[in-house]
Protein backbone atom coordinates (compact mmCIF):
# COMPACT_ATOMS: atom_id res chain seq x y z
CA MET A 1 176.46 33.31 174.10
CA ASN A 2 173.53 35.04 172.45
CA GLU A 3 170.40 33.84 174.21
CA LYS A 4 167.12 35.74 174.11
CA LEU A 5 166.07 37.36 177.35
CA LEU A 6 162.63 36.86 178.86
CA TYR A 7 160.38 39.88 178.06
CA GLU A 8 163.15 41.48 175.98
CA ASP A 9 160.60 43.25 173.75
CA LEU A 10 158.74 44.77 176.71
CA THR A 11 162.00 45.84 178.33
CA GLU A 12 163.16 47.55 175.16
CA LYS A 13 159.78 49.25 174.72
CA SER A 14 159.74 50.58 178.30
CA ILE A 15 163.33 51.85 178.09
CA LYS A 16 162.44 53.71 174.89
CA CYS A 17 159.59 55.38 176.82
CA PHE A 18 162.05 56.49 179.49
CA TYR A 19 164.40 58.01 176.92
CA LYS A 20 161.56 59.85 175.17
CA VAL A 21 160.73 61.56 178.46
CA TYR A 22 164.36 62.27 179.33
CA ASP A 23 165.15 63.63 175.84
CA ALA A 24 162.11 65.92 175.97
CA LEU A 25 162.46 67.20 179.54
CA GLY A 26 166.16 66.93 180.28
CA GLU A 27 167.19 67.16 183.90
CA GLY A 28 166.25 69.41 186.79
CA PHE A 29 162.58 68.72 187.42
CA LEU A 30 161.02 67.09 190.46
CA GLU A 31 160.59 63.31 190.37
CA SER A 32 156.81 63.75 190.19
CA VAL A 33 157.12 65.56 186.84
CA TYR A 34 159.09 62.69 185.31
CA GLU A 35 156.71 60.16 186.83
CA LYS A 36 153.66 61.81 185.25
CA ALA A 37 155.39 62.20 181.88
CA LEU A 38 156.54 58.57 181.94
CA MET A 39 153.01 57.41 182.71
CA ILE A 40 151.82 59.25 179.59
CA GLU A 41 154.53 57.62 177.45
CA LEU A 42 153.86 54.15 178.87
CA GLU A 43 150.14 54.44 178.22
CA ASP A 44 150.77 55.78 174.69
CA ALA A 45 153.00 52.73 174.09
CA GLY A 46 150.17 50.39 175.12
CA PHE A 47 151.27 49.56 178.65
CA LYS A 48 148.73 49.31 181.45
CA ALA A 49 150.62 51.12 184.20
CA GLU A 50 149.75 52.30 187.69
CA SER A 51 151.46 55.12 189.54
CA GLN A 52 152.41 54.88 193.22
CA ARG A 53 150.48 51.70 193.90
CA SER A 54 150.19 50.68 197.55
CA LEU A 55 151.70 47.36 198.50
CA ASN A 56 151.74 45.50 201.80
CA VAL A 57 155.20 44.22 202.71
CA TYR A 58 155.64 41.43 205.23
CA TYR A 59 158.77 40.47 207.14
CA LYS A 60 158.75 37.25 209.15
CA GLY A 61 154.98 37.18 208.83
CA LEU A 62 154.49 40.72 210.17
CA LEU A 63 153.24 43.68 208.18
CA VAL A 64 156.07 46.22 208.15
CA ASN A 65 154.92 49.08 205.93
CA PHE A 66 151.20 49.45 206.73
CA GLY A 67 150.13 50.09 203.12
CA GLU A 68 152.62 52.84 202.32
CA LYS A 69 153.40 53.49 198.69
CA LEU A 70 156.11 51.30 197.24
CA GLU A 71 159.13 53.46 196.51
CA PHE A 72 162.72 52.69 195.76
CA LYS A 73 165.20 55.30 196.90
CA ARG A 74 168.75 55.82 195.82
CA ARG A 75 171.30 55.85 198.58
CA VAL A 76 173.47 58.99 198.64
CA PHE A 77 176.78 58.95 200.45
């Protein structure tokens, strides 16, 4: 099955931006360094990107994060 994915071109373009940053910087820097570098690459590639945008999250109709920045964290065991 070889079906085209939705937004495949944008996905490929954004992944290429990630690898440009990773290839240039390697590993060992703080997350904020990679975030700033990735924002530069995304903008250079024509994306309109925002960094650390605030987002209200509701659970059962109640606001649960009070406008904190949206952040996904990796779970370490």
